[in-house]
Structure formats: C-alpha cells, structure tokens
Amino acid sequence: MKKETLIAKEAGVRIDAYLAGALEDMSRSYIKKLIDESQVTVNGKIVKANHKLKAEDEIEITIPDPIKLDVLPEKIDLDIVYEDNDIVVVNKPKGMVVHPATGNYTGTLVNALLAHCEGSLSDINGVIRPGIVHRIDKDTTGILVVAKSNAAHEGLSEKLKVHDIERVYTAICEGVIKEEKGTIDAPIGRHPVDRKKMAVNTKNGRHAVTHFTVLERFKNATLIEARLETGRTHQIRVHMSYIGHPLLGDEVYGRKTQNYKLQGQVLHATVLGFEHPISGEYMEFRTELPEYFEQLIEKLRNR
C-alpha cells in the first residue's frame, strides 16, 4: 500500500469532492469507499465523506495495493526507440491503451512490453501497471519511457514530480490562434458534473501549466507545439479547449461532430528529454509525426 498527503487549499469544500478533483486517477465512488473504510484522515483524524475542510488541513490517503490480476504477455509489434537494462523508450501507435483497465485487459502496451521484456519491468505500480511511469491517451501517438527496474522507476517518478522531464507535443487545434505563443496556467481536476471528464477546476483542481507555440495556420485550424510544465490527465486537451481551441478530432473536449474522419484527437508526443535515472546522462528522443497526421496537414494546406 502507499500513502499520499495533500494540503487543502480552501475552506468549506467536502472531503469527497476535494479528493475527486485532486486525485485524477480515482473515481468518486472509489474515493468514497476509501473514506468509508477509514483510509482517509484529516489532521490525523478519521472523517466521513461529508466532512468540510479548512484551509491548510493535512489530508492523508492510504491507498491499498491493487488486486492482483493475470496480465498476460502478448506478442505485439512495438516501435522501440531506445532500450537498456533500466528503461525502454517506445513510440506508441494510435488506438493502443497504455495499461490494462476495465474493458481493456488485452492488447495494451503493458501486454506487449511484458512479452518484449520477458517480464522484466518494475513492479512499483503493481500488476496492472508494471513499468508505467507516465501515460499518454489511447488515441494520442508518440513517445513515452517505461521503467524496467525499480530504481529507474523511482528516479523517473521523482523527475516527473519536480517537472524535470521535457515533454513536447504536436497538435492541431480548431480555429485560428492569433497569438504566436502563449501560456495557459489553469488548475485541472475532475469535471464537477461529468466524472469521466477533466476540466479547469479552480476549487479543487491541481496546478497545471501548458506553454504553446504556433507552428502554422490554416483556414480554420492551427498547428501548434505544446510543452508541458506539469502533467495532468488530458492536460493539453483540456487547456486548449478552455481557451476556445479544442484539438481536432477530440469528441470529448471539442466538437461532437468532426469535419474530418479522425480516430480521436490529433495529438502526438514528439519530444521526450530527461536525465537517465541511473547514469545521470541527459537523453532526448524525438519521433516523426505519424502518417495520418502528415496527411491531415497536407489536406489543411490545400483547402
């Protein structure tokens, strides 16, 4: 099991609502279950789900170890960009889920890596997410690093925590962005109504910053580069939608009806840079845009 500590930012918010916004990977029902099972304390005292917080309250959550499930190795072709004894860098294709979850227990990146690495992945995140330090969405393509050893996992996790990993994405947004560059500094948490979505949430969201630069403008769309200063769930998708320029193909945060036949948002993890968690050597990896992305750019140029 692991423990997580948070400090309440404001008074008057219910503990279950606050945690639902702050803990991006947990559903509200699971958070309520943890509270009901006395796994959540405020200033050292067990509380109920309707407990109202005061500013600067210290919240401690005890998260039980994941239930063990059989996640089987599967022979799936992978685009391995780099590999050594401690890490493996992968260029993930569109449509591949990173790790098993409800409804997706096969065909994931984890299933493929278990076969490729012959089971040699860090076990810090349990059976469901071996080796997974950070994720990209199912329909987002591009580069991510996976830990093969526990020492590498701990080192990479610490770098992510202090925002010491360079992550640059390429995306196409709806509409024409007039500014050459900009910074979106807006907290992200669970959507207050639709719990399956994230949203800019000033009450109980977590600090989130995205820097973007315009690369090319089209008639009704803009090609951008987005650099993550933080790494919240769906961060680029939420932030660009927040400023009125959702990503093309994003039916969750953008238009329900798209003008192009796309499989999800047009978003590619282009650059990943970090100090190797064991050797300390700085490494930077860059991947080319996938074919569908390049074809879409040509279509937009010719409109």
Protein backbone atom coordinates (compact mmCIF):
# COMPACT_ATOMS: atom_id res chain seq x y z
CA MET A 1 0.00 0.00 0.00
CA LYS A 2 1.05 3.62 -0.39
CA LYS A 3 0.17 6.88 1.30
CA GLU A 4 -0.47 10.25 -0.31
CA THR A 5 -0.58 13.57 1.55
CA LEU A 6 -2.39 16.69 0.35
CA ILE A 7 -2.89 20.15 1.86
CA ALA A 8 -6.37 21.68 1.46
CA LYS A 9 -6.29 24.97 -0.44
CA GLU A 10 -9.58 26.43 0.78
CA ALA A 11 -12.25 26.05 3.41
CA GLY A 12 -15.79 24.73 3.08
CA VAL A 13 -15.22 22.01 0.46
CA ARG A 14 -16.38 18.47 1.27
CA ILE A 15 -13.53 15.97 1.61
CA ASP A 16 -15.00 13.60 -1.02
CA ALA A 17 -15.46 16.42 -3.55
CA TYR A 18 -11.98 17.78 -2.89
CA LEU A 19 -10.30 14.40 -3.37
CA ALA A 20 -12.34 13.67 -6.51
CA GLY A 21 -10.85 16.81 -8.06
CA ALA A 22 -7.34 16.36 -6.73
CA LEU A 23 -6.85 12.64 -7.39
CA GLU A 24 -7.17 12.36 -11.15
CA ASP A 25 -6.82 8.57 -11.37
CA MET A 26 -9.55 7.74 -8.87
CA SER A 27 -13.30 7.72 -9.32
CA ARG A 28 -15.54 9.42 -6.79
CA SER A 29 -17.05 6.05 -5.83
CA TYR A 30 -13.59 4.61 -5.08
CA ILE A 31 -12.68 7.68 -3.02
CA LYS A 32 -15.92 7.28 -1.02
CA LYS A 33 -15.02 3.62 -0.48
CA LEU A 34 -11.61 4.63 0.92
CA ILE A 35 -13.26 7.19 3.23
CA ASP A 36 -15.86 4.66 4.42
CA GLU A 37 -13.07 2.16 5.13
CA SER A 38 -11.22 4.76 7.31
CA GLN A 39 -8.37 5.08 4.80
CA VAL A 40 -8.61 8.90 4.76
CA THR A 41 -7.66 11.15 7.66
CA VAL A 42 -7.71 14.92 8.13
CA ASN A 43 -5.09 16.21 10.57
CA GLY A 44 -4.68 12.64 11.78
CA LYS A 45 -8.39 12.01 12.45
CA ILE A 46 -10.71 9.67 10.53
CA VAL A 47 -13.53 11.60 8.82
CA LYS A 48 -16.77 10.96 6.94
CA ALA A 49 -17.41 11.77 3.28
CA ASN A 50 -19.36 14.95 4.13
CA HIS A 51 -16.58 16.40 6.32
CA LYS A 52 -15.88 20.01 5.33
CA LEU A 53 -12.28 21.04 5.05
CA LYS A 54 -10.50 24.06 6.45
CA ALA A 55 -7.68 25.78 4.62
CA GLU A 56 -4.30 24.15 5.30
CA ASP A 57 -5.87 20.91 6.60
CA GLU A 58 -3.50 17.98 6.07
CA ILE A 59 -5.20 15.08 4.29
CA GLU A 60 -3.60 11.64 4.25
CA ILE A 61 -4.94 8.90 1.97
CA THR A 62 -3.90 5.26 2.35
CA ILE A 63 -4.22 3.51 -1.00
CA PRO A 64 -4.32 -0.31 -0.79
CA ASP A 65 -2.21 -2.42 -3.11
CA PRO A 66 -4.01 -3.25 -6.38
CA ILE A 67 -5.85 -6.55 -6.59
CA LYS A 68 -3.68 -8.98 -8.47
CA LEU A 69 -4.98 -9.95 -11.88
CA ASP A 70 -3.41 -12.04 -14.60
CA VAL A 71 -1.97 -9.63 -17.15
CA LEU A 72 -0.52 -11.84 -19.82
CA PRO A 73 2.38 -11.14 -22.21
CA GLU A 74 1.26 -10.74 -25.83
CA LYS A 75 3.37 -10.77 -28.98
CA ILE A 76 2.57 -7.33 -30.38
CA ASP A 77 4.94 -5.38 -32.62
CA LEU A 78 6.41 -2.33 -30.90
CA ASP A 79 8.40 0.64 -32.20
CA ILE A 80 11.28 0.62 -29.70
CA VAL A 81 13.21 3.89 -29.86
CA TYR A 82 15.78 3.05 -27.16
CA GLU A 83 16.39 0.31 -24.60
CA ASP A 84 18.91 -0.60 -21.92
CA ASN A 85 18.82 -2.61 -18.67
CA ASP A 86 16.78 0.03 -16.84
CA ILE A 87 14.48 1.80 -19.30
CA VAL A 88 12.74 1.33 -22.62
CA VAL A 89 11.51 4.22 -24.78
CA VAL A 90 8.55 3.41 -27.03
CA ASN A 91 6.79 5.21 -29.87
CA LYS A 92 3.14 4.31 -29.13
CA PRO A 93 0.71 3.93 -32.04
CA LYS A 94 -2.78 5.39 -32.20
CA GLY A 95 -5.51 3.25 -30.65
CA MET A 96 -3.29 1.42 -28.16
CA VAL A 97 -4.18 1.69 -24.46
CA VAL A 98 -1.11 2.05 -22.22
CA HIS A 99 -2.10 -0.34 -19.42
CA PRO A 100 -4.96 -2.73 -18.62
CA ALA A 101 -8.12 -1.31 -17.06
CA THR A 102 -11.81 -2.10 -17.03
CA GLY A 103 -12.77 -3.19 -20.54
CA ASN A 104 -9.15 -3.32 -21.77
CA TYR A 105 -7.24 -6.27 -20.34
CA THR A 106 -5.54 -7.30 -23.57
CA GLY A 107 -3.80 -5.58 -26.46
CA THR A 108 -2.27 -2.87 -24.26
CA LEU A 109 1.26 -1.52 -24.26
CA VAL A 110 1.85 -3.36 -20.97
CA ASN A 111 0.82 -6.69 -22.52
CA ALA A 112 3.24 -6.05 -25.38
CA LEU A 113 6.09 -4.96 -23.09
CA LEU A 114 5.69 -8.00 -20.83
CA ALA A 115 6.42 -10.13 -23.89
CA HIS A 116 9.18 -7.89 -25.26
CA CYS A 117 10.98 -7.50 -21.92
CA GLU A 118 10.22 -11.09 -20.85
CA GLY A 119 8.55 -9.86 -17.67
CA SER A 120 11.46 -7.60 -16.70
CA LEU A 121 9.54 -4.45 -15.73
CA SER A 122 9.42 -2.50 -12.47
CA ASP A 123 6.72 -3.68 -10.06
CA ILE A 124 6.24 -0.44 -8.10
CA ASN A 125 2.87 0.25 -9.74
CA GLY A 126 1.58 -3.29 -9.18
CA VAL A 127 0.50 -5.98 -11.58
CA ILE A 128 -1.79 -3.79 -13.68
CA ARG A 129 0.78 -1.09 -14.48
CA PRO A 130 4.24 -2.69 -14.41
CA GLY A 131 6.88 -0.25 -15.57
CA ILE A 132 4.43 2.56 -16.28
CA VAL A 133 5.78 5.89 -15.05
CA HIS A 134 3.61 8.21 -17.16
CA ARG A 135 0.89 7.69 -19.75
CA ILE A 136 -0.49 9.10 -22.95
CA ASP A 137 -4.10 8.65 -24.04
CA LYS A 138 -5.27 5.77 -26.22
CA ASP A 139 -5.65 7.95 -29.33
CA THR A 140 -2.55 10.07 -28.67
CA THR A 141 0.52 8.82 -30.51
CA GLY A 142 4.17 9.21 -29.67
CA ILE A 143 6.94 8.72 -27.23
CA LEU A 144 6.98 7.59 -23.61
CA VAL A 145 9.51 6.00 -21.28
CA VAL A 146 8.90 2.81 -19.30
CA ALA A 147 10.93 1.59 -16.31
CA LYS A 148 12.43 -1.89 -16.33
CA SER A 149 14.00 -1.63 -12.86
CA ASN A 150 12.52 -0.29 -9.63
CA ALA A 151 15.48 2.08 -9.19
CA ALA A 152 14.79 3.59 -12.62
CA HIS A 153 11.07 3.85 -11.82
CA GLU A 154 11.74 5.76 -8.60
CA GLY A 155 14.20 8.07 -10.34
CA LEU A 156 11.85 8.88 -13.23
CA SER A 157 8.87 9.36 -10.88
CA GLU A 158 10.84 11.89 -8.87
CA LYS A 159 11.79 13.80 -12.03
CA LEU A 160 8.14 13.92 -13.08
CA LYS A 161 7.14 15.16 -9.63
CA VAL A 162 9.54 18.12 -9.83
CA HIS A 163 8.74 18.76 -13.55
CA ASP A 164 12.27 17.81 -14.60
CA ILE A 165 11.31 15.94 -17.79
CA GLU A 166 11.00 17.73 -21.13
CA ARG A 167 7.74 16.75 -22.87
CA VAL A 168 6.80 18.42 -26.13
CA TYR A 169 3.70 17.58 -28.16
CA THR A 170 2.50 18.50 -31.64
CA ALA A 171 -1.24 19.10 -32.12
CA ILE A 172 -3.79 20.60 -34.50
CA CYS A 173 -6.45 22.84 -32.92
CA GLU A 174 -9.83 24.07 -34.07
CA GLY A 175 -9.84 27.69 -35.25
CA VAL A 176 -7.05 30.16 -35.92
CA ILE A 177 -4.91 31.14 -32.92
CA LYS A 178 -3.85 34.78 -33.34
CA GLU A 179 -1.01 34.83 -30.79
CA GLU A 180 2.39 33.45 -31.79
CA LYS A 181 2.78 31.80 -28.40
CA GLY A 182 1.10 31.65 -25.04
CA THR A 183 0.94 30.07 -21.60
CA ILE A 184 -2.17 28.52 -20.07
CA ASP A 185 -1.96 28.44 -16.27
CA ALA A 186 -5.23 26.93 -15.02
CA PRO A 187 -5.79 24.14 -12.46
CA ILE A 188 -7.20 20.84 -13.70
CA GLY A 189 -9.42 18.42 -11.79
CA ARG A 190 -12.44 16.21 -12.30
CA HIS A 191 -15.35 17.80 -14.14
CA PRO A 192 -17.93 18.81 -11.48
CA VAL A 193 -20.79 17.11 -13.36
CA ASP A 194 -19.32 14.58 -15.81
CA ARG A 195 -16.95 12.47 -13.69
CA LYS A 196 -15.44 10.79 -16.76
CA LYS A 197 -14.00 14.11 -17.92
CA MET A 198 -11.39 16.51 -16.62
CA ALA A 199 -11.92 20.27 -16.55
CA VAL A 200 -10.35 23.54 -15.46
CA ASN A 201 -11.39 23.38 -11.83
CA THR A 202 -10.44 26.37 -9.67
CA LYS A 203 -11.97 24.90 -6.49
CA ASN A 204 -10.13 21.62 -6.15
CA GLY A 205 -8.06 21.19 -9.31
CA ARG A 206 -4.29 20.69 -9.33
CA HIS A 207 -1.76 23.22 -10.63
CA ALA A 208 -1.40 22.84 -14.42
CA VAL A 209 0.67 24.85 -16.91
CA THR A 210 0.91 24.40 -20.69
CA HIS A 211 3.11 26.52 -23.00
CA PHE A 212 2.18 26.60 -26.69
CA THR A 213 3.78 27.97 -29.86
CA VAL A 214 2.03 28.35 -33.23
CA LEU A 215 3.84 26.46 -35.99
CA GLU A 216 1.44 27.02 -38.91
CA ARG A 217 -2.01 28.49 -39.50
CA PHE A 218 -4.63 27.08 -41.85
CA LYS A 219 -8.03 28.36 -42.92
CA ASN A 220 -9.90 27.08 -39.85
CA ALA A 221 -7.22 25.30 -37.83
CA THR A 222 -3.80 25.84 -36.24
CA LEU A 223 -0.77 23.57 -35.94
CA ILE A 224 0.90 24.05 -32.56
CA GLU A 225 3.71 22.78 -30.40
CA ALA A 226 2.74 22.35 -26.73
CA ARG A 227 5.25 21.94 -23.90
CA LEU A 228 4.07 20.53 -20.60
CA GLU A 229 5.32 22.18 -17.44
CA THR A 230 3.06 19.87 -15.43
CA GLY A 231 1.47 16.58 -16.39
CA ARG A 232 -2.20 16.37 -15.50
CA THR A 233 -4.64 13.94 -17.09
CA HIS A 234 -5.76 15.21 -20.54
CA GLN A 235 -3.88 18.46 -19.82
CA ILE A 236 -3.31 19.71 -23.38
CA ARG A 237 -6.80 18.68 -24.47
CA VAL A 238 -8.45 20.43 -21.52
CA HIS A 239 -6.31 23.57 -21.71
CA MET A 240 -6.72 24.12 -25.44
CA SER A 241 -10.48 23.59 -25.15
CA TYR A 242 -10.52 26.06 -22.24
CA ILE A 243 -9.12 28.85 -24.44
CA GLY A 244 -11.59 28.04 -27.23
CA HIS A 245 -9.32 25.93 -29.45
CA PRO A 246 -10.04 22.23 -28.79
CA LEU A 247 -7.96 19.67 -30.66
CA LEU A 248 -9.22 18.40 -34.00
CA GLY A 249 -10.83 15.00 -33.58
CA ASP A 250 -11.43 15.41 -29.83
CA GLU A 251 -15.06 14.44 -29.33
CA VAL A 252 -14.74 14.67 -25.53
CA TYR A 253 -13.49 18.26 -25.21
CA GLY A 254 -14.31 19.55 -28.69
CA ARG A 255 -16.99 19.12 -31.33
CA LYS A 256 -19.17 16.03 -31.19
CA THR A 257 -19.36 16.09 -34.99
CA GLN A 258 -15.96 16.36 -36.67
CA ASN A 259 -15.23 17.66 -40.18
CA TYR A 260 -12.57 15.02 -40.80
CA LYS A 261 -12.64 11.24 -40.42
CA LEU A 262 -10.36 11.04 -37.40
CA GLN A 263 -9.86 8.47 -34.68
CA GLY A 264 -9.68 10.73 -31.65
CA GLN A 265 -7.65 13.85 -31.01
CA VAL A 266 -4.80 14.90 -33.31
CA LEU A 267 -2.02 14.87 -30.73
CA HIS A 268 1.49 13.44 -30.92
CA ALA A 269 4.15 13.21 -28.19
CA THR A 270 7.09 14.45 -30.25
CA VAL A 271 9.97 15.06 -27.82
CA LEU A 272 10.94 13.43 -24.53
CA GLY A 273 14.06 14.55 -22.70
CA PHE A 274 15.39 13.56 -19.28
CA GLU A 275 18.48 12.61 -17.31
CA HIS A 276 18.88 8.84 -17.25
CA PRO A 277 17.68 7.76 -13.79
CA ILE A 278 20.74 5.54 -13.23
CA SER A 279 23.63 7.00 -15.26
CA GLY A 280 22.61 10.66 -14.97
CA GLU A 281 23.30 11.20 -18.69
CA TYR A 282 20.89 13.60 -20.42
CA MET A 283 18.95 11.85 -23.17
CA GLU A 284 16.50 13.34 -25.65
CA PHE A 285 14.31 11.44 -28.09
CA ARG A 286 12.28 12.78 -31.00
CA THR A 287 9.74 10.96 -33.14
CA GLU A 288 8.34 11.84 -36.56
CA LEU A 289 4.65 12.68 -36.94
CA PRO A 290 2.58 9.61 -37.88
CA GLU A 291 1.40 9.26 -41.46
CA TYR A 292 -2.23 10.22 -40.77
CA PHE A 293 -1.05 13.44 -39.08
CA GLU A 294 1.14 14.44 -42.05
CA GLN A 295 -1.70 13.68 -44.50
CA LEU A 296 -4.08 15.86 -42.49
CA ILE A 297 -1.60 18.76 -42.57
CA GLU A 298 -1.45 18.48 -46.38
CA LYS A 299 -5.25 18.48 -46.61
CA LEU A 300 -5.45 21.61 -44.46
CA ARG A 301 -2.78 23.36 -46.55
CA ASN A 302 -4.72 22.62 -49.75
CA ARG A 303 -8.13 23.77 -48.56
